[in-house]
Protein backbone atom coordinates (compact mmCIF):
# COMPACT_ATOMS: atom_id res chain seq x y z
CA MET A 1 119.62 189.43 -129.81
CA SER A 2 119.29 193.26 -128.88
CA VAL A 3 120.86 194.99 -126.12
CA ASN A 4 119.20 198.17 -125.06
CA LEU A 5 120.85 200.71 -122.30
CA ASP A 6 118.92 203.35 -120.58
CA ARG A 7 119.56 205.71 -117.71
CA LEU A 8 116.99 207.18 -114.96
CA PRO A 9 117.13 210.89 -114.27
CA ASN A 10 118.82 209.99 -110.95
CA GLY A 11 121.72 208.16 -112.70
CA LEU A 12 120.64 204.34 -112.37
CA ARG A 13 121.67 202.61 -115.50
CA ILE A 14 119.32 199.79 -117.09
CA VAL A 15 120.73 197.36 -119.59
CA THR A 16 118.82 194.34 -120.94
CA GLU A 17 119.38 191.83 -123.72
CA VAL A 18 116.73 189.68 -124.95
CA MET A 19 117.67 185.96 -125.82
CA PRO A 20 114.99 184.28 -127.94
CA GLY A 21 113.54 180.86 -127.41
CA LEU A 22 114.30 181.26 -123.56
CA GLU A 23 111.47 180.95 -120.87
CA SER A 24 113.70 182.02 -118.04
CA ALA A 25 115.69 185.48 -117.38
CA ALA A 26 118.52 186.50 -115.03
CA VAL A 27 118.13 190.02 -113.38
CA GLY A 28 120.36 191.44 -110.89
CA LEU A 29 121.83 194.77 -109.57
CA TRP A 30 125.44 195.36 -109.75
CA VAL A 31 127.12 198.07 -107.46
CA ASN A 32 130.32 199.60 -107.87
CA ALA A 33 131.19 199.28 -104.20
CA GLY A 34 133.57 196.57 -103.49
CA GLY A 35 136.55 195.60 -101.05
CA ARG A 36 138.86 198.29 -102.68
CA HIS A 37 136.15 201.13 -101.87
CA GLU A 38 136.51 200.38 -98.16
CA ARG A 39 138.71 202.42 -95.79
CA ILE A 40 141.05 200.21 -93.82
CA GLU A 41 138.72 200.42 -90.66
CA GLN A 42 136.12 199.18 -92.94
CA ASN A 43 137.77 196.31 -94.50
CA GLY A 44 135.29 193.49 -94.71
CA ILE A 45 132.14 195.85 -94.41
CA ALA A 46 131.00 195.52 -98.09
CA HIS A 47 131.01 191.50 -97.86
CA PHE A 48 129.34 191.93 -94.77
CA LEU A 49 126.46 194.12 -95.97
CA GLU A 50 126.03 191.63 -98.90
CA HIS A 51 125.21 188.80 -96.08
CA MET A 52 122.87 191.20 -94.25
CA ALA A 53 120.85 191.98 -97.33
CA PHE A 54 119.19 188.66 -96.86
CA LYS A 55 118.69 188.78 -93.34
CA GLY A 56 115.33 190.65 -93.50
CA THR A 57 113.79 194.00 -94.86
CA GLU A 58 110.97 196.27 -93.90
CA ARG A 59 108.53 194.08 -95.66
CA ARG A 60 110.22 190.46 -95.77
CA ASN A 61 111.96 188.41 -93.10
CA ALA A 62 114.87 186.16 -94.20
CA LEU A 63 112.79 183.19 -94.44
CA GLN A 64 110.20 184.91 -96.69
CA ILE A 65 112.96 186.28 -99.00
CA ALA A 66 114.19 182.77 -99.81
CA GLU A 67 110.53 181.33 -100.04
CA GLU A 68 109.22 184.21 -102.38
CA ILE A 69 111.91 183.32 -104.94
CA GLU A 70 111.95 179.54 -104.24
CA ASP A 71 108.24 179.15 -104.37
CA VAL A 72 108.24 179.89 -108.17
CA GLY A 73 111.44 177.55 -108.80
CA GLY A 74 114.06 180.46 -108.99
CA TYR A 75 117.19 181.06 -107.11
CA ILE A 76 118.78 184.25 -105.75
CA ASN A 77 122.20 185.00 -104.47
CA ALA A 78 124.74 187.67 -104.18
CA TYR A 79 128.91 187.96 -104.11
CA THR A 80 131.15 190.67 -103.22
CA SER A 81 134.40 191.25 -105.40
CA ARG A 82 137.22 193.80 -105.09
CA GLU A 83 135.61 196.32 -107.19
CA ALA A 84 131.72 195.43 -106.94
CA THR A 85 128.83 193.84 -104.90
CA ALA A 86 125.99 192.00 -106.88
CA TYR A 87 122.62 190.86 -106.12
CA TYR A 88 120.93 188.50 -108.69
CA ALA A 89 118.04 186.20 -109.50
CA ARG A 90 117.27 183.53 -112.01
CA VAL A 91 113.47 183.11 -112.67
CA LEU A 92 110.96 182.20 -115.39
CA LYS A 93 109.75 184.95 -117.62
CA ALA A 94 106.39 185.52 -115.71
CA ASP A 95 108.53 185.96 -112.20
CA VAL A 96 111.01 188.68 -113.49
CA PRO A 97 108.73 191.63 -111.58
CA LEU A 98 108.76 189.33 -108.44
CA ALA A 99 112.62 188.90 -108.65
CA LEU A 100 113.32 192.67 -109.51
CA ASP A 101 110.96 193.61 -106.25
CA VAL A 102 112.83 191.18 -104.07
CA ILE A 103 116.33 192.63 -105.14
CA ALA A 104 115.23 196.19 -104.70
CA ASP A 105 113.51 195.31 -101.49
CA ILE A 106 117.07 193.59 -99.90
CA VAL A 107 119.16 196.39 -101.24
CA LEU A 108 117.10 199.55 -100.51
CA ASN A 109 115.25 198.55 -97.18
CA PRO A 110 117.42 196.22 -94.84
CA VAL A 111 116.48 196.45 -91.24
CA PHE A 112 119.77 195.36 -89.65
CA HIS A 113 118.21 193.79 -86.61
CA SER A 114 120.85 193.37 -84.02
CA ASP A 115 120.38 189.94 -83.42
CA GLU A 116 120.43 189.02 -87.25
CA ILE A 117 123.84 190.92 -87.26
CA GLU A 118 124.89 188.76 -84.62
CA VAL A 119 123.94 185.51 -86.27
CA GLU A 120 125.43 186.59 -89.69
CA ARG A 121 128.76 187.81 -87.72
CA GLY A 122 129.07 184.18 -86.64
CA VAL A 123 128.52 182.91 -90.10
CA ILE A 124 131.06 185.20 -91.74
CA LEU A 125 133.66 184.40 -89.14
CA GLN A 126 133.12 180.59 -89.89
CA GLU A 127 133.68 181.49 -93.57
CA ILE A 128 136.90 183.34 -92.75
CA GLY A 129 138.06 180.13 -90.67
CA GLN A 130 137.23 177.83 -93.60
CA ALA A 131 139.12 179.74 -95.97
CA LEU A 132 142.00 180.05 -93.86
CA ASP A 133 141.88 176.14 -93.73
CA THR A 134 141.67 175.93 -97.54
CA PRO A 135 145.30 176.62 -98.69
CA ASP A 136 144.25 177.01 -102.57
CA ASP A 137 141.78 179.73 -101.34
CA VAL A 138 143.53 181.77 -98.99
CA ILE A 139 146.94 181.63 -101.23
CA PHE A 140 145.43 184.10 -103.59
CA ASP A 141 144.45 186.54 -100.66
CA TRP A 142 147.93 186.53 -99.70
CA LEU A 143 149.21 186.98 -103.10
CA GLN A 144 146.99 189.89 -103.58
CA GLU A 145 148.42 191.51 -100.40
CA ALA A 146 151.95 190.95 -101.59
CA SER A 147 151.18 192.46 -104.95
CA TYR A 148 149.49 195.61 -103.65
CA PRO A 149 150.70 195.91 -99.99
CA GLY A 150 149.15 198.52 -97.61
CA GLN A 151 146.69 199.19 -100.32
CA ALA A 152 142.89 198.81 -100.52
CA LEU A 153 143.18 196.49 -103.42
CA GLY A 154 145.79 194.28 -101.63
CA ARG A 155 143.11 193.62 -98.70
CA THR A 156 141.07 190.58 -98.18
CA ILE A 157 137.56 190.64 -99.25
CA LEU A 158 136.29 188.73 -96.11
CA GLY A 159 138.08 191.19 -93.87
CA PRO A 160 140.00 190.19 -90.61
CA THR A 161 138.52 188.69 -87.77
CA ASP A 162 138.84 191.67 -85.55
CA ARG A 163 137.45 194.17 -87.49
CA VAL A 164 134.59 191.87 -88.45
CA SER A 165 134.03 191.05 -84.72
CA ARG A 166 133.25 194.82 -84.17
CA PHE A 167 131.17 195.90 -87.23
CA ALA A 168 127.96 197.38 -85.91
CA ARG A 169 124.43 198.72 -87.46
CA THR A 170 125.90 202.16 -88.05
CA ASP A 171 128.93 200.89 -90.02
CA LEU A 172 126.69 198.74 -92.37
CA SER A 173 124.16 201.88 -92.98
CA GLY A 174 127.04 204.32 -93.27
CA PHE A 175 128.83 202.32 -95.99
CA ILE A 176 125.41 202.09 -97.88
CA SER A 177 125.01 206.15 -97.58
CA GLU A 178 128.53 206.30 -98.96
CA HIS A 179 128.32 203.90 -101.90
CA TYR A 180 124.99 203.03 -102.72
CA GLY A 181 123.57 205.81 -104.87
CA PRO A 182 121.90 205.28 -108.16
CA GLY A 183 124.91 206.46 -110.40
CA GLN A 184 126.70 203.53 -108.67
CA MET A 185 124.38 200.93 -109.64
CA VAL A 186 123.56 198.95 -113.04
CA LEU A 187 120.65 197.11 -113.35
CA SER A 188 120.99 194.18 -115.78
CA ALA A 189 118.65 191.71 -117.23
CA ALA A 190 118.92 188.83 -119.95
CA GLY A 191 117.01 186.51 -121.25
CA ALA A 192 113.05 186.41 -121.55
CA VAL A 193 112.82 190.12 -120.83
CA ASP A 194 111.12 193.05 -122.06
CA HIS A 195 113.19 196.35 -121.77
CA ASP A 196 110.26 198.61 -121.40
CA VAL A 197 108.85 196.43 -118.43
CA ILE A 198 111.89 196.60 -116.76
CA MET A 199 112.27 200.29 -117.39
CA ARG A 200 108.99 200.87 -115.73
CA LEU A 201 109.62 198.39 -112.82
CA ALA A 202 113.17 200.18 -112.28
CA GLU A 203 111.61 203.74 -112.07
CA LYS A 204 109.07 202.43 -109.51
CA ALA A 205 111.58 200.63 -107.43
CA PHE A 206 114.71 202.96 -107.83
CA GLY A 207 113.50 206.19 -109.30
CA HIS A 208 113.15 207.90 -105.88
CA LEU A 209 116.57 207.39 -104.95
CA PRO A 210 118.64 210.69 -104.67
CA PRO A 211 122.17 210.94 -106.19
CA VAL A 212 124.93 210.12 -104.04
CA GLN A 213 128.52 211.47 -104.66
CA LEU A 214 130.40 209.07 -106.76
CA SER A 215 132.71 207.13 -104.48
CA THR A 216 136.51 207.07 -105.37
CA HIS A 217 139.60 204.97 -104.62
CA ASP A 218 143.28 205.22 -104.64
CA VAL A 219 144.95 204.42 -107.78
CA ALA A 220 146.47 200.89 -107.16
CA VAL A 221 150.15 200.39 -107.64
CA PHE A 222 151.78 196.81 -108.36
CA HIS A 223 154.78 196.82 -105.83
CA GLY A 224 155.32 193.00 -105.49
CA GLY A 225 156.76 191.18 -102.65
CA GLU A 226 156.64 187.96 -100.66
CA ARG A 227 154.49 186.31 -98.17
CA ARG A 228 155.78 182.50 -97.11
CA GLU A 229 153.81 180.62 -94.37
CA LEU A 230 155.29 177.42 -93.41
CA ARG A 231 153.17 174.40 -92.41
CA ALA A 232 153.09 170.84 -92.29
CA LEU A 233 150.81 170.19 -95.26
CA GLU A 234 151.07 167.56 -97.81
CA GLN A 235 152.03 170.14 -100.78
CA VAL A 236 153.40 173.53 -101.07
CA HIS A 237 151.12 175.87 -102.79
CA PHE A 238 152.69 178.10 -105.11
CA ALA A 239 151.29 181.75 -106.52
CA MET A 240 153.04 184.32 -108.38
CA ALA A 241 151.96 187.39 -109.93
CA LEU A 242 153.14 189.87 -112.27
CA GLU A 243 151.54 193.16 -113.16
CA ALA A 244 149.24 192.92 -116.02
CA PRO A 245 147.21 195.35 -118.06
CA CYS A 246 143.95 197.24 -116.76
CA TYR A 247 140.54 196.99 -118.32
CA SER A 248 141.22 200.21 -120.62
CA ASP A 249 144.91 199.00 -121.68
CA PRO A 250 145.07 198.00 -125.62
CA ASP A 251 146.90 195.20 -124.26
CA VAL A 252 144.27 193.53 -121.97
CA TYR A 253 143.36 190.93 -124.77
CA THR A 254 147.25 190.19 -125.63
CA ALA A 255 147.64 189.46 -121.82
CA GLN A 256 144.61 187.26 -122.01
CA VAL A 257 146.09 185.37 -124.94
CA TYR A 258 149.45 184.98 -123.34
CA ALA A 259 147.96 183.77 -119.97
CA THR A 260 145.79 180.95 -121.90
CA LEU A 261 148.71 179.60 -124.05
CA LEU A 262 150.96 179.63 -120.91
CA GLY A 263 148.46 177.92 -118.66
CA GLY A 264 145.09 178.27 -119.85
CA GLY A 265 144.50 174.31 -120.56
CA MET A 266 145.72 171.08 -121.00
CA SER A 267 147.87 171.92 -124.30
CA SER A 268 149.25 175.18 -122.63
CA ARG A 269 153.01 175.48 -121.90
CA LEU A 270 152.95 175.29 -118.06
CA PHE A 271 150.45 172.05 -118.45
CA GLN A 272 152.57 170.30 -120.82
CA GLU A 273 156.20 171.07 -119.37
CA ILE A 274 155.60 170.90 -115.62
CA ARG A 275 152.79 168.19 -115.27
CA GLU A 276 152.92 166.20 -118.26
CA LYS A 277 156.50 165.72 -119.34
CA ARG A 278 157.85 166.25 -115.87
CA GLY A 279 155.26 165.22 -113.24
CA LEU A 280 155.59 167.87 -110.98
CA CYS A 281 152.16 168.72 -110.05
CA TYR A 282 148.64 167.83 -110.35
CA SER A 283 147.29 171.35 -110.90
CA ILE A 284 149.00 174.33 -112.74
CA PHE A 285 147.29 177.39 -114.30
CA ALA A 286 147.88 180.98 -115.43
CA GLN A 287 145.25 183.62 -115.79
CA ALA A 288 145.05 187.31 -116.39
CA GLY A 289 142.94 189.48 -114.45
CA ALA A 290 142.03 193.16 -114.84
CA TYR A 291 140.82 195.88 -112.52
CA ALA A 292 140.04 199.72 -113.34
CA ASP A 293 143.72 200.91 -113.03
CA THR A 294 145.94 197.68 -112.82
CA GLY A 295 146.04 194.02 -113.61
CA MET A 296 147.50 190.68 -112.49
CA MET A 297 149.08 187.94 -114.61
CA THR A 298 148.61 184.77 -111.90
CA ILE A 299 150.32 181.44 -112.06
CA TYR A 300 149.34 178.74 -109.23
CA ALA A 301 150.72 175.15 -108.75
CA GLY A 302 150.47 172.70 -106.00
CA THR A 303 153.75 170.42 -105.57
CA SER A 304 155.58 168.49 -103.06
CA ALA A 305 158.48 169.91 -100.77
CA GLU A 306 161.10 168.27 -102.69
CA ASP A 307 159.95 169.65 -106.07
CA ILE A 308 159.07 173.27 -105.41
CA ALA A 309 162.41 174.58 -106.20
CA HIS A 310 162.45 172.75 -109.67
CA LEU A 311 158.88 173.87 -110.38
CA SER A 312 159.65 177.57 -109.55
CA ASP A 313 162.41 177.63 -111.86
CA LEU A 314 160.77 175.80 -114.79
CA THR A 315 157.53 178.33 -114.31
CA VAL A 316 159.92 181.28 -114.56
CA ASP A 317 161.68 179.82 -117.57
CA GLU A 318 158.13 179.22 -119.22
CA LEU A 319 157.31 182.87 -118.50
CA ARG A 320 160.49 184.01 -120.06
CA ARG A 321 160.54 181.77 -122.93
CA VAL A 322 157.23 182.69 -124.76
CA ALA A 323 159.26 185.97 -125.77
CA ASP A 324 161.77 183.93 -127.83
CA ASP A 325 159.76 181.02 -129.46
CA VAL A 326 155.93 181.54 -129.33
CA SER A 327 154.30 180.08 -132.50
CA ASP A 328 151.53 181.25 -134.56
CA ALA A 329 149.81 177.78 -133.69
CA GLU A 330 150.02 178.58 -129.92
CA VAL A 331 148.49 182.16 -130.30
CA SER A 332 145.75 180.94 -132.61
CA ARG A 333 144.77 178.28 -130.49
CA ALA A 334 144.62 180.61 -127.50
CA ARG A 335 142.48 182.92 -129.48
CA ALA A 336 140.09 180.18 -130.33
CA GLN A 337 140.05 179.08 -126.64
CA MET A 338 139.03 182.56 -125.56
CA LYS A 339 136.49 183.16 -128.16
CA ALA A 340 134.95 179.69 -127.49
CA GLY A 341 134.60 180.40 -123.74
CA LEU A 342 133.30 183.72 -124.40
CA LEU A 343 130.54 182.57 -126.82
CA MET A 344 129.75 179.43 -124.74
CA GLY A 345 129.41 181.34 -121.49
CA LEU A 346 127.02 183.82 -123.25
CA GLU A 347 124.72 181.03 -123.75
CA SER A 348 123.59 181.34 -120.04
CA PRO A 349 121.45 184.46 -119.14
CA SER A 350 123.08 184.71 -116.01
CA SER A 351 126.39 184.98 -117.55
CA ARG A 352 124.97 187.49 -120.25
CA ALA A 353 123.34 189.77 -117.46
CA GLU A 354 126.80 189.64 -115.55
CA ARG A 355 128.86 190.68 -118.70
CA LEU A 356 126.39 193.60 -119.55
CA ALA A 357 126.59 194.97 -116.12
CA ARG A 358 130.32 194.55 -116.04
CA LEU A 359 130.91 196.36 -119.40
CA VAL A 360 128.38 199.32 -118.67
CA ALA A 361 130.27 199.60 -115.32
CA ILE A 362 133.50 199.99 -117.21
CA TRP A 363 132.71 201.54 -120.72
CA ASP A 364 129.20 203.21 -120.07
CA ARG A 365 128.34 201.05 -123.10
CA VAL A 366 128.08 197.40 -124.19
CA PRO A 367 130.54 196.86 -127.22
CA PRO A 368 129.07 194.86 -129.72
CA LEU A 369 130.11 190.96 -129.37
CA ALA A 370 131.75 191.35 -132.99
CA GLU A 371 134.03 194.06 -131.72
CA THR A 372 135.33 192.00 -128.68
CA ILE A 373 135.82 189.22 -131.19
CA ALA A 374 137.81 191.33 -133.55
CA LEU A 375 139.98 192.64 -130.68
CA ILE A 376 140.86 189.04 -129.79
CA ASP A 377 141.61 188.26 -133.58
CA ALA A 378 143.66 191.01 -133.71
CA VAL A 379 146.29 189.66 -131.25
CA ASP A 380 149.10 188.05 -133.28
CA ARG A 381 152.36 186.23 -132.77
CA ALA A 382 154.53 189.46 -132.72
CA GLY A 383 152.12 191.12 -130.16
CA VAL A 384 152.65 188.20 -127.63
CA ALA A 385 156.28 187.94 -128.00
CA GLU A 386 156.52 191.83 -127.49
CA PHE A 387 154.05 191.36 -124.44
CA ALA A 388 156.14 188.60 -122.83
CA ALA A 389 159.53 190.25 -123.29
CA GLY A 390 158.22 193.49 -121.51
CA LEU A 391 156.40 191.57 -118.60
CA ALA A 392 159.70 189.39 -118.11
CA GLY A 393 161.95 192.61 -118.55
CA ARG A 394 160.29 194.32 -115.64
CA GLY A 395 161.30 191.61 -113.36
CA THR A 396 159.00 192.57 -110.46
CA ALA A 397 156.76 189.88 -109.20
CA ALA A 398 154.87 188.84 -106.15
CA LEU A 399 155.10 185.50 -104.78
CA ALA A 400 152.85 183.76 -102.01
CA LEU A 401 153.85 180.20 -100.55
CA TYR A 402 151.99 178.17 -98.05
CA GLY A 403 153.13 174.72 -96.90
CA PRO A 404 156.45 172.81 -96.44
CA ALA A 405 158.33 175.68 -98.58
CA GLU A 406 161.64 175.58 -96.83
CA ARG A 407 163.04 174.63 -100.20
CA ALA A 408 161.62 176.96 -102.56
CA PRO A 409 163.72 180.08 -103.78
CA GLU A 410 163.52 183.38 -102.16
CA LEU A 411 161.64 186.01 -104.63
CA ALA A 412 164.70 187.97 -105.40
CA LYS A 413 166.48 184.83 -106.98
CA LEU A 414 163.04 184.20 -108.95
CA GLN A 415 162.94 188.04 -110.19
CA GLU A 416 166.79 187.74 -111.24
CA ARG A 417 166.00 184.52 -113.35
CA LEU A 418 162.94 186.12 -114.95
CA ALA A 419 165.00 189.15 -116.18
CA ALA A 420 168.14 187.39 -117.16
């Protein structure tokens, strides 16, 4: 498999990877403009814009956008994260030019008809309502807010209903003018693709775009804090976060190994101790996420009102205990899980195209897969123990609770226990 990375004169980066034997391809445009690039009065606009891209262009109405891709058996979709917005499609190899043309059209030529804005506003307000009615969705937004209070990185991607209710056409076009320049974009394709063909198509579709000053955002600072929402639900939803390394921190792979052995599978410490041995929950996991300048170690569980205090204490104890008795076998198993997950995911052209785009956005290059595997393999027991000790020693955490959480310990008590 071969990776090719080029740049148009206006700054647009194009990255492709041929996957021999495939008859299909994934192609997409990743824009470095997500929730954290919004000013507070814009909160939710990046996500609103993602929706509106599919509501019609100067050449296609909403139905035609869907039909042109589905007529050839493909699919097209998009998502908004805190650091990027992505528009992507999966098609057969003969239809890659069509997919790229449609993606370019919806990103560059949306018309923002007023009636379509109102229709999609209603859809997004329904989406917000659905999220608020889904405890194991909304709990992570609250945890993010508690971790980064008063900061763009802490705000919800969907935005609050009062702001979404007021967005107008000028807000949408203004966000595009600020953030949708070629230097903020990565065009990525993987599977049955030809790099030279993609380059010609990209030049035709995006070569005319003038550069836009690269957007900036405030450096995020993990403060921690607590949000507790009491409601008569069947379970208490418990989510806790500690600061983790950013993308460029050498400890980022150590953090991921730590999260995997702590709560990444059925053999992990949290699963075995809290679910299998004690039966305190059905679902419990840990994960390490990274941003450009910070990261989050997140633990989630759902449990009963009677068991929330015990579960909270045990979770903190396991966080701290890794520093004292983590074994070589645990670290080896976690490394194997990480490598297998990475390699299995790369069997999909869609996953591979997304990985390419993310790596280019972060590093402006695509590190060889062997380099990534070597970094995972370099994580050892001593490094994990040192990382765990540092994580616990800082004692600063964020906590979100939703449901009958009256018996849950206060965050201050959990932080004292963590740092003890």
